[in-house]
Amino acid sequence: MVKQWRTLMSKAVILLGDTTDHSGKVITAIDQYTYNGISIAGKGDQVECPQCKGVFPIIEGTDSLQYQGKSIALEGMQTACGARLIARQHNLTLIS
């Protein structure tokens, strides 16, 4: 009998002001949905990217957590310019 194990990874939720691997910053988030008083970001929220010289939307979000139909962004997810999101907190996480 062969057992297969699925590796579960915990990913941090992205908040307003979190950064990207392009030295960018999340500049919009869901005002009514917060963690420790900071708005939580989701798919479609905007990221300022100095490397790509513009403002781009977050293009990924998790299906496991949504707020009013908007998928929540997690660490490692991508923006339209190709930047990856980096969380500054690791207390609010989801297992994926």
PDB file of N, CA and C in Angstrom:
ATOM      1  N   MET A   1       0.837  -1.186   0.000  1.00  0.00           N
ATOM      2  CA  MET A   1       0.000   0.000   0.000  1.00  0.00           C
ATOM      3  C   MET A   1       0.884   1.252   0.000  1.00  0.00           C
ATOM      4  N   VAL A   2       0.636   2.113  -0.939  1.00  0.00           N
ATOM      5  CA  VAL A   2       1.417   3.347  -1.059  1.00  0.00           C
ATOM      6  C   VAL A   2       0.566   4.511  -0.563  1.00  0.00           C
ATOM      7  N   LYS A   3       1.153   5.285   0.325  1.00  0.00           N
ATOM      8  CA  LYS A   3       0.451   6.469   0.835  1.00  0.00           C
ATOM      9  C   LYS A   3       1.002   7.703   0.143  1.00  0.00           C
ATOM     10  N   GLN A   4       0.117   8.559  -0.236  1.00  0.00           N
ATOM     11  CA  GLN A   4       0.540   9.826  -0.829  1.00  0.00           C
ATOM     12  C   GLN A   4       0.227  10.939   0.164  1.00  0.00           C
ATOM     13  N   TRP A   5       1.189  11.769   0.400  1.00  0.00           N
ATOM     14  CA  TRP A   5       1.027  12.888   1.325  1.00  0.00           C
ATOM     15  C   TRP A   5       0.985  14.180   0.532  1.00  0.00           C
ATOM     16  N   ARG A   6       0.030  14.966   0.850  1.00  0.00           N
ATOM     17  CA  ARG A   6      -0.062  16.278   0.224  1.00  0.00           C
ATOM     18  C   ARG A   6       0.578  17.286   1.167  1.00  0.00           C
ATOM     19  N   THR A   7       1.495  18.045   0.649  1.00  0.00           N
ATOM     20  CA  THR A   7       2.159  19.058   1.461  1.00  0.00           C
ATOM     21  C   THR A   7       1.246  20.277   1.579  1.00  0.00           C
ATOM     22  N   LEU A   8       0.968  20.651   2.809  1.00  0.00           N
ATOM     23  CA  LEU A   8       0.143  21.832   3.053  1.00  0.00           C
ATOM     24  C   LEU A   8       1.062  23.003   3.347  1.00  0.00           C
ATOM     25  N   MET A   9       0.806  24.098   2.692  1.00  0.00           N
ATOM     26  CA  MET A   9       1.609  25.287   2.910  1.00  0.00           C
ATOM     27  C   MET A   9       0.726  26.406   3.430  1.00  0.00           C
ATOM     28  N   SER A  10       1.256  27.125   4.372  1.00  0.00           N
ATOM     29  CA  SER A  10       0.542  28.258   4.930  1.00  0.00           C
ATOM     30  C   SER A  10       1.050  29.529   4.249  1.00  0.00           C
ATOM     31  N   LYS A  11       0.121  30.341   3.745  1.00  0.00           N
ATOM     32  CA  LYS A  11       0.494  31.588   3.071  1.00  0.00           C
ATOM     33  C   LYS A  11      -0.170  32.760   3.779  1.00  0.00           C
ATOM     34  N   ALA A  12       0.593  33.822   3.966  1.00  0.00           N
ATOM     35  CA  ALA A  12       0.093  35.005   4.664  1.00  0.00           C
ATOM     36  C   ALA A  12      -0.838  35.819   3.774  1.00  0.00           C
ATOM     37  N   VAL A  13      -1.853  36.402   4.411  1.00  0.00           N
ATOM     38  CA  VAL A  13      -2.791  37.297   3.735  1.00  0.00           C
ATOM     39  C   VAL A  13      -2.086  38.632   3.479  1.00  0.00           C
ATOM     40  N   ILE A  14      -2.344  39.226   2.321  1.00  0.00           N
ATOM     41  CA  ILE A  14      -1.728  40.506   1.933  1.00  0.00           C
ATOM     42  C   ILE A  14      -2.567  41.676   2.457  1.00  0.00           C
ATOM     43  N   LEU A  15      -1.868  42.661   3.009  1.00  0.00           N
ATOM     44  CA  LEU A  15      -2.505  43.847   3.583  1.00  0.00           C
ATOM     45  C   LEU A  15      -2.080  45.110   2.830  1.00  0.00           C
ATOM     46  N   LEU A  16      -2.875  46.157   2.982  1.00  0.00           N
ATOM     47  CA  LEU A  16      -2.532  47.469   2.437  1.00  0.00           C
ATOM     48  C   LEU A  16      -1.131  47.851   2.920  1.00  0.00           C
ATOM     49  N   GLY A  17      -0.274  48.279   2.003  1.00  0.00           N
ATOM     50  CA  GLY A  17       1.081  48.679   2.368  1.00  0.00           C
ATOM     51  C   GLY A  17       2.117  47.573   2.242  1.00  0.00           C
ATOM     52  N   ASP A  18       1.681  46.319   2.035  1.00  0.00           N
ATOM     53  CA  ASP A  18       2.645  45.238   1.822  1.00  0.00           C
ATOM     54  C   ASP A  18       3.406  45.501   0.528  1.00  0.00           C
ATOM     55  N   THR A  19       4.522  44.816   0.358  1.00  0.00           N
ATOM     56  CA  THR A  19       5.422  45.097  -0.757  1.00  0.00           C
ATOM     57  C   THR A  19       5.418  43.982  -1.806  1.00  0.00           C
ATOM     58  N   THR A  20       6.232  44.203  -2.847  1.00  0.00           N
ATOM     59  CA  THR A  20       6.400  43.203  -3.907  1.00  0.00           C
ATOM     60  C   THR A  20       7.892  42.972  -4.143  1.00  0.00           C
ATOM     61  N   ASP A  21       8.192  41.945  -4.917  1.00  0.00           N
ATOM     62  CA  ASP A  21       9.591  41.679  -5.250  1.00  0.00           C
ATOM     63  C   ASP A  21      10.127  42.633  -6.322  1.00  0.00           C
ATOM     64  N   HIS A  22       9.304  43.585  -6.759  1.00  0.00           N
ATOM     65  CA  HIS A  22       9.741  44.659  -7.664  1.00  0.00           C
ATOM     66  C   HIS A  22       9.918  45.968  -6.887  1.00  0.00           C
ATOM     67  N   SER A  23       9.966  45.887  -5.553  1.00  0.00           N
ATOM     68  CA  SER A  23      10.058  47.051  -4.656  1.00  0.00           C
ATOM     69  C   SER A  23       8.801  47.908  -4.696  1.00  0.00           C
ATOM     70  N   GLY A  24       7.691  47.324  -5.105  1.00  0.00           N
ATOM     71  CA  GLY A  24       6.417  48.039  -5.152  1.00  0.00           C
ATOM     72  C   GLY A  24       5.662  47.944  -3.845  1.00  0.00           C
ATOM     73  N   LYS A  25       4.452  48.531  -3.849  1.00  0.00           N
ATOM     74  CA  LYS A  25       3.643  48.583  -2.631  1.00  0.00           C
ATOM     75  C   LYS A  25       2.168  48.463  -2.986  1.00  0.00           C
ATOM     76  N   VAL A  26       1.424  47.722  -2.165  1.00  0.00           N
ATOM     77  CA  VAL A  26      -0.028  47.606  -2.321  1.00  0.00           C
ATOM     78  C   VAL A  26      -0.640  48.939  -1.902  1.00  0.00           C
ATOM     79  N   ILE A  27      -1.390  49.582  -2.821  1.00  0.00           N
ATOM     80  CA  ILE A  27      -1.904  50.927  -2.541  1.00  0.00           C
ATOM     81  C   ILE A  27      -3.423  50.993  -2.403  1.00  0.00           C
ATOM     82  N   THR A  28      -4.133  49.903  -2.718  1.00  0.00           N
ATOM     83  CA  THR A  28      -5.575  49.861  -2.444  1.00  0.00           C
ATOM     84  C   THR A  28      -5.903  48.516  -1.807  1.00  0.00           C
ATOM     85  N   ALA A  29      -6.988  48.499  -1.035  1.00  0.00           N
ATOM     86  CA  ALA A  29      -7.434  47.276  -0.365  1.00  0.00           C
ATOM     87  C   ALA A  29      -8.909  47.440  -0.006  1.00  0.00           C
ATOM     88  N   ILE A  30      -9.464  46.425   0.628  1.00  0.00           N
ATOM     89  CA  ILE A  30     -10.883  46.423   0.982  1.00  0.00           C
ATOM     90  C   ILE A  30     -11.069  47.159   2.312  1.00  0.00           C
ATOM     91  N   ASP A  31     -11.637  48.363   2.264  1.00  0.00           N
ATOM     92  CA  ASP A  31     -11.767  49.206   3.462  1.00  0.00           C
ATOM     93  C   ASP A  31     -12.518  48.531   4.608  1.00  0.00           C
ATOM     94  N   GLN A  32     -13.571  47.802   4.291  1.00  0.00           N
ATOM     95  CA  GLN A  32     -14.434  47.226   5.323  1.00  0.00           C
ATOM     96  C   GLN A  32     -13.923  45.887   5.868  1.00  0.00           C
ATOM     97  N   TYR A  33     -12.838  45.365   5.336  1.00  0.00           N
ATOM     98  CA  TYR A  33     -12.321  44.050   5.726  1.00  0.00           C
ATOM     99  C   TYR A  33     -10.889  44.240   6.204  1.00  0.00           C
ATOM    100  N   THR A  34     -10.679  44.175   7.521  1.00  0.00           N
ATOM    101  CA  THR A  34      -9.381  44.531   8.079  1.00  0.00           C
ATOM    102  C   THR A  34      -8.814  43.453   9.003  1.00  0.00           C
ATOM    103  N   TYR A  35      -7.520  43.544   9.213  1.00  0.00           N
ATOM    104  CA  TYR A  35      -6.809  42.726  10.194  1.00  0.00           C
ATOM    105  C   TYR A  35      -5.951  43.685  11.005  1.00  0.00           C
ATOM    106  N   ASN A  36      -6.170  43.715  12.319  1.00  0.00           N
ATOM    107  CA  ASN A  36      -5.463  44.652  13.204  1.00  0.00           C
ATOM    108  C   ASN A  36      -5.552  46.092  12.700  1.00  0.00           C
ATOM    109  N   GLY A  37      -6.715  46.449  12.152  1.00  0.00           N
ATOM    110  CA  GLY A  37      -6.959  47.810  11.697  1.00  0.00           C
ATOM    111  C   GLY A  37      -6.404  48.141  10.317  1.00  0.00           C
ATOM    112  N   ILE A  38      -5.806  47.161   9.647  1.00  0.00           N
ATOM    113  CA  ILE A  38      -5.231  47.390   8.313  1.00  0.00           C
ATOM    114  C   ILE A  38      -6.074  46.644   7.285  1.00  0.00           C
ATOM    115  N   SER A  39      -6.437  47.328   6.212  1.00  0.00           N
ATOM    116  CA  SER A  39      -7.286  46.731   5.176  1.00  0.00           C
ATOM    117  C   SER A  39      -6.594  45.558   4.482  1.00  0.00           C
ATOM    118  N   ILE A  40      -7.392  44.533   4.183  1.00  0.00           N
ATOM    119  CA  ILE A  40      -6.921  43.329   3.500  1.00  0.00           C
ATOM    120  C   ILE A  40      -7.065  43.529   1.990  1.00  0.00           C
ATOM    121  N   ALA A  41      -6.054  43.101   1.233  1.00  0.00           N
ATOM    122  CA  ALA A  41      -6.049  43.264  -0.227  1.00  0.00           C
ATOM    123  C   ALA A  41      -6.611  42.026  -0.920  1.00  0.00           C
ATOM    124  N   GLY A  42      -7.191  42.264  -2.086  1.00  0.00           N
ATOM    125  CA  GLY A  42      -7.754  41.169  -2.866  1.00  0.00           C
ATOM    126  C   GLY A  42      -7.460  41.320  -4.343  1.00  0.00           C
ATOM    127  N   LYS A  43      -7.911  40.353  -5.095  1.00  0.00           N
ATOM    128  CA  LYS A  43      -7.756  40.368  -6.549  1.00  0.00           C
ATOM    129  C   LYS A  43      -8.403  41.641  -7.095  1.00  0.00           C
ATOM    130  N   GLY A  44      -7.668  42.362  -7.925  1.00  0.00           N
ATOM    131  CA  GLY A  44      -8.166  43.612  -8.487  1.00  0.00           C
ATOM    132  C   GLY A  44      -7.664  44.847  -7.769  1.00  0.00           C
ATOM    133  N   ASP A  45      -7.187  44.697  -6.526  1.00  0.00           N
ATOM    134  CA  ASP A  45      -6.604  45.853  -5.842  1.00  0.00           C
ATOM    135  C   ASP A  45      -5.307  46.241  -6.545  1.00  0.00           C
ATOM    136  N   GLN A  46      -4.875  47.471  -6.304  1.00  0.00           N
ATOM    137  CA  GLN A  46      -3.782  48.065  -7.073  1.00  0.00           C
ATOM    138  C   GLN A  46      -2.444  48.030  -6.331  1.00  0.00           C
ATOM    139  N   VAL A  47      -1.380  47.876  -7.131  1.00  0.00           N
ATOM    140  CA  VAL A  47      -0.010  47.868  -6.628  1.00  0.00           C
ATOM    141  C   VAL A  47       0.802  48.863  -7.451  1.00  0.00           C
ATOM    142  N   GLU A  48       1.530  49.722  -6.769  1.00  0.00           N
ATOM    143  CA  GLU A  48       2.429  50.650  -7.446  1.00  0.00           C
ATOM    144  C   GLU A  48       3.758  49.926  -7.672  1.00  0.00           C
ATOM    145  N   CYS A  49       4.268  49.967  -8.900  1.00  0.00           N
ATOM    146  CA  CYS A  49       5.503  49.249  -9.231  1.00  0.00           C
ATOM    147  C   CYS A  49       6.539  50.200  -9.817  1.00  0.00           C
ATOM    148  N   PRO A  50       7.583  50.535  -9.033  1.00  0.00           N
ATOM    149  CA  PRO A  50       8.620  51.422  -9.552  1.00  0.00           C
ATOM    150  C   PRO A  50       9.459  50.759 -10.650  1.00  0.00           C
ATOM    151  N   GLN A  51       9.611  49.445 -10.591  1.00  0.00           N
ATOM    152  CA  GLN A  51      10.408  48.740 -11.607  1.00  0.00           C
ATOM    153  C   GLN A  51       9.733  48.795 -12.981  1.00  0.00           C
ATOM    154  N   CYS A  52       8.411  48.614 -13.008  1.00  0.00           N
ATOM    155  CA  CYS A  52       7.665  48.625 -14.278  1.00  0.00           C
ATOM    156  C   CYS A  52       7.062  49.994 -14.583  1.00  0.00           C
ATOM    157  N   LYS A  53       7.274  50.938 -13.674  1.00  0.00           N
ATOM    158  CA  LYS A  53       6.841  52.333 -13.843  1.00  0.00           C
ATOM    159  C   LYS A  53       5.343  52.475 -14.096  1.00  0.00           C
ATOM    160  N   GLY A  54       4.567  52.011 -13.106  1.00  0.00           N
ATOM    161  CA  GLY A  54       3.125  52.149 -13.233  1.00  0.00           C
ATOM    162  C   GLY A  54       2.378  51.541 -12.063  1.00  0.00           C
ATOM    163  N   VAL A  55       1.064  51.546 -12.202  1.00  0.00           N
ATOM    164  CA  VAL A  55       0.163  50.957 -11.209  1.00  0.00           C
ATOM    165  C   VAL A  55      -0.536  49.786 -11.889  1.00  0.00           C
ATOM    166  N   PHE A  56      -0.519  48.630 -11.222  1.00  0.00           N
ATOM    167  CA  PHE A  56      -1.039  47.404 -11.813  1.00  0.00           C
ATOM    168  C   PHE A  56      -1.935  46.673 -10.817  1.00  0.00           C
ATOM    169  N   PRO A  57      -2.944  45.942 -11.305  1.00  0.00           N
ATOM    170  CA  PRO A  57      -3.823  45.199 -10.403  1.00  0.00           C
ATOM    171  C   PRO A  57      -3.207  43.874  -9.957  1.00  0.00           C
ATOM    172  N   ILE A  58      -3.636  43.431  -8.796  1.00  0.00           N
ATOM    173  CA  ILE A  58      -3.337  42.071  -8.342  1.00  0.00           C
ATOM    174  C   ILE A  58      -4.210  41.153  -9.199  1.00  0.00           C
ATOM    175  N   ILE A  59      -3.607  40.149  -9.835  1.00  0.00           N
ATOM    176  CA  ILE A  59      -4.370  39.301 -10.763  1.00  0.00           C
ATOM    177  C   ILE A  59      -4.694  37.919 -10.201  1.00  0.00           C
ATOM    178  N   GLU A  60      -4.256  37.646  -8.968  1.00  0.00           N
ATOM    179  CA  GLU A  60      -4.560  36.357  -8.351  1.00  0.00           C
ATOM    180  C   GLU A  60      -5.205  36.568  -6.994  1.00  0.00           C
ATOM    181  N   GLY A  61      -6.014  35.608  -6.602  1.00  0.00           N
ATOM    182  CA  GLY A  61      -6.649  35.602  -5.295  1.00  0.00           C
ATOM    183  C   GLY A  61      -7.052  34.179  -4.961  1.00  0.00           C
ATOM    184  N   THR A  62      -7.236  33.889  -3.682  1.00  0.00           N
ATOM    185  CA  THR A  62      -7.587  32.534  -3.273  1.00  0.00           C
ATOM    186  C   THR A  62      -9.090  32.295  -3.355  1.00  0.00           C
ATOM    187  N   ASP A  63      -9.462  31.107  -3.786  1.00  0.00           N
ATOM    188  CA  ASP A  63     -10.878  30.731  -3.812  1.00  0.00           C
ATOM    189  C   ASP A  63     -11.375  30.367  -2.417  1.00  0.00           C
ATOM    190  N   SER A  64     -10.426  30.074  -1.482  1.00  0.00           N
ATOM    191  CA  SER A  64     -10.846  29.656  -0.147  1.00  0.00           C
ATOM    192  C   SER A  64     -11.276  30.784   0.774  1.00  0.00           C
ATOM    193  N   LEU A  65     -10.938  32.023   0.422  1.00  0.00           N
ATOM    194  CA  LEU A  65     -11.346  33.156   1.251  1.00  0.00           C
ATOM    195  C   LEU A  65     -11.734  34.315   0.340  1.00  0.00           C
ATOM    196  N   GLN A  66     -12.978  34.742   0.494  1.00  0.00           N
ATOM    197  CA  GLN A  66     -13.485  35.864  -0.298  1.00  0.00           C
ATOM    198  C   GLN A  66     -14.250  36.806   0.616  1.00  0.00           C
ATOM    199  N   TYR A  67     -14.285  38.064   0.222  1.00  0.00           N
ATOM    200  CA  TYR A  67     -15.096  39.056   0.923  1.00  0.00           C
ATOM    201  C   TYR A  67     -15.979  39.720  -0.117  1.00  0.00           C
ATOM    202  N   GLN A  68     -17.279  39.563   0.039  1.00  0.00           N
ATOM    203  CA  GLN A  68     -18.265  40.091  -0.901  1.00  0.00           C
ATOM    204  C   GLN A  68     -17.900  39.739  -2.348  1.00  0.00           C
ATOM    205  N   GLY A  69     -17.509  38.487  -2.557  1.00  0.00           N
ATOM    206  CA  GLY A  69     -17.198  37.978  -3.884  1.00  0.00           C
ATOM    207  C   GLY A  69     -15.799  38.282  -4.393  1.00  0.00           C
ATOM    208  N   LYS A  70     -15.004  39.005  -3.609  1.00  0.00           N
ATOM    209  CA  LYS A  70     -13.640  39.356  -4.027  1.00  0.00           C
ATOM    210  C   LYS A  70     -12.653  38.384  -3.379  1.00  0.00           C
ATOM    211  N   SER A  71     -11.858  37.695  -4.207  1.00  0.00           N
ATOM    212  CA  SER A  71     -10.859  36.742  -3.706  1.00  0.00           C
ATOM    213  C   SER A  71      -9.727  37.479  -3.001  1.00  0.00           C
ATOM    214  N   ILE A  72      -9.326  36.963  -1.843  1.00  0.00           N
ATOM    215  CA  ILE A  72      -8.276  37.585  -1.043  1.00  0.00           C
ATOM    216  C   ILE A  72      -6.898  37.199  -1.585  1.00  0.00           C
ATOM    217  N   ALA A  73      -5.976  38.171  -1.597  1.00  0.00           N
ATOM    218  CA  ALA A  73      -4.615  37.958  -2.095  1.00  0.00           C
ATOM    219  C   ALA A  73      -3.730  37.371  -0.998  1.00  0.00           C
ATOM    220  N   LEU A  74      -2.870  36.443  -1.409  1.00  0.00           N
ATOM    221  CA  LEU A  74      -1.936  35.795  -0.491  1.00  0.00           C
ATOM    222  C   LEU A  74      -0.500  36.022  -0.951  1.00  0.00           C
ATOM    223  N   GLU A  75       0.424  35.875  -0.005  1.00  0.00           N
ATOM    224  CA  GLU A  75       1.842  36.030  -0.314  1.00  0.00           C
ATOM    225  C   GLU A  75       2.239  35.124  -1.481  1.00  0.00           C
ATOM    226  N   GLY A  76       3.027  35.674  -2.397  1.00  0.00           N
ATOM    227  CA  GLY A  76       3.496  34.921  -3.549  1.00  0.00           C
ATOM    228  C   GLY A  76       2.615  35.058  -4.776  1.00  0.00           C
ATOM    229  N   MET A  77       1.405  35.587  -4.585  1.00  0.00           N
ATOM    230  CA  MET A  77       0.524  35.783  -5.740  1.00  0.00           C
ATOM    231  C   MET A  77       1.053  36.940  -6.577  1.00  0.00           C
ATOM    232  N   GLN A  78       0.531  37.055  -7.797  1.00  0.00           N
ATOM    233  CA  GLN A  78       1.125  37.926  -8.802  1.00  0.00           C
ATOM    234  C   GLN A  78       0.268  39.140  -9.153  1.00  0.00           C
ATOM    235  N   THR A  79       0.959  40.178  -9.611  1.00  0.00           N
ATOM    236  CA  THR A  79       0.308  41.366 -10.154  1.00  0.00           C
ATOM    237  C   THR A  79       0.384  41.303 -11.681  1.00  0.00           C
ATOM    238  N   ALA A  80      -0.314  42.203 -12.350  1.00  0.00           N
ATOM    239  CA  ALA A  80      -0.336  42.213 -13.817  1.00  0.00           C
ATOM    240  C   ALA A  80       1.031  42.492 -14.436  1.00  0.00           C
ATOM    241  N   CYS A  81       1.928  43.120 -13.699  1.00  0.00           N
ATOM    242  CA  CYS A  81       3.268  43.385 -14.242  1.00  0.00           C
ATOM    243  C   CYS A  81       4.236  42.237 -13.974  1.00  0.00           C
ATOM    244  N   GLY A  82       3.776  41.223 -13.256  1.00  0.00           N
ATOM    245  CA  GLY A  82       4.624  40.068 -12.970  1.00  0.00           C
ATOM    246  C   GLY A  82       5.261  40.072 -11.596  1.00  0.00           C
ATOM    247  N   ALA A  83       5.028  41.130 -10.820  1.00  0.00           N
ATOM    248  CA  ALA A  83       5.588  41.188  -9.468  1.00  0.00           C
ATOM    249  C   ALA A  83       4.881  40.182  -8.558  1.00  0.00           C
ATOM    250  N   ARG A  84       5.619  39.670  -7.564  1.00  0.00           N
ATOM    251  CA  ARG A  84       5.067  38.760  -6.563  1.00  0.00           C
ATOM    252  C   ARG A  84       4.860  39.526  -5.260  1.00  0.00           C
ATOM    253  N   LEU A  85       3.729  39.249  -4.603  1.00  0.00           N
ATOM    254  CA  LEU A  85       3.379  39.935  -3.361  1.00  0.00           C
ATOM    255  C   LEU A  85       4.167  39.368  -2.177  1.00  0.00           C
ATOM    256  N   ILE A  86       4.583  40.262  -1.274  1.00  0.00           N
ATOM    257  CA  ILE A  86       5.328  39.886  -0.071  1.00  0.00           C
ATOM    258  C   ILE A  86       4.576  40.418   1.148  1.00  0.00           C
ATOM    259  N   ALA A  87       4.203  39.529   2.059  1.00  0.00           N
ATOM    260  CA  ALA A  87       3.484  39.928   3.278  1.00  0.00           C
ATOM    261  C   ALA A  87       4.463  40.365   4.358  1.00  0.00           C
ATOM    262  N   ARG A  88       4.079  41.379   5.122  1.00  0.00           N
ATOM    263  CA  ARG A  88       4.925  41.819   6.234  1.00  0.00           C
ATOM    264  C   ARG A  88       4.510  41.159   7.539  1.00  0.00           C
ATOM    265  N   GLN A  89       3.355  40.511   7.552  1.00  0.00           N
ATOM    266  CA  GLN A  89       2.894  39.792   8.747  1.00  0.00           C
ATOM    267  C   GLN A  89       2.706  38.327   8.374  1.00  0.00           C
ATOM    268  N   HIS A  90       2.829  37.453   9.361  1.00  0.00           N
ATOM    269  CA  HIS A  90       2.638  36.020   9.109  1.00  0.00           C
ATOM    270  C   HIS A  90       1.776  35.381  10.195  1.00  0.00           C
ATOM    271  N   ASN A  91       0.909  36.184  10.809  1.00  0.00           N
ATOM    272  CA  ASN A  91      -0.025  35.663  11.810  1.00  0.00           C
ATOM    273  C   ASN A  91      -1.365  35.303  11.194  1.00  0.00           C
ATOM    274  N   LEU A  92      -1.799  36.045  10.192  1.00  0.00           N
ATOM    275  CA  LEU A  92      -3.050  35.765   9.489  1.00  0.00           C
ATOM    276  C   LEU A  92      -2.687  35.026   8.209  1.00  0.00           C
ATOM    277  N   THR A  93      -2.898  33.701   8.234  1.00  0.00           N
ATOM    278  CA  THR A  93      -2.495  32.861   7.108  1.00  0.00           C
ATOM    279  C   THR A  93      -3.622  31.926   6.700  1.00  0.00           C
ATOM    280  N   LEU A  94      -3.491  31.377   5.505  1.00  0.00           N
ATOM    281  CA  LEU A  94      -4.400  30.344   5.007  1.00  0.00           C
ATOM    282  C   LEU A  94      -3.566  29.155   4.591  1.00  0.00           C
ATOM    283  N   ILE A  95      -4.079  27.973   4.829  1.00  0.00           N
ATOM    284  CA  ILE A  95      -3.406  26.760   4.370  1.00  0.00           C
ATOM    285  C   ILE A  95      -3.887  26.468   2.968  1.00  0.00           C
ATOM    286  N   SER A  96      -2.939  26.300   2.058  1.00  0.00           N
ATOM    287  CA  SER A  96      -3.313  26.016   0.670  1.00  0.00           C
ATOM    288  C   SER A  96      -2.713  24.700   0.216  1.00  0.00           C
TER     289      SER A  96
END
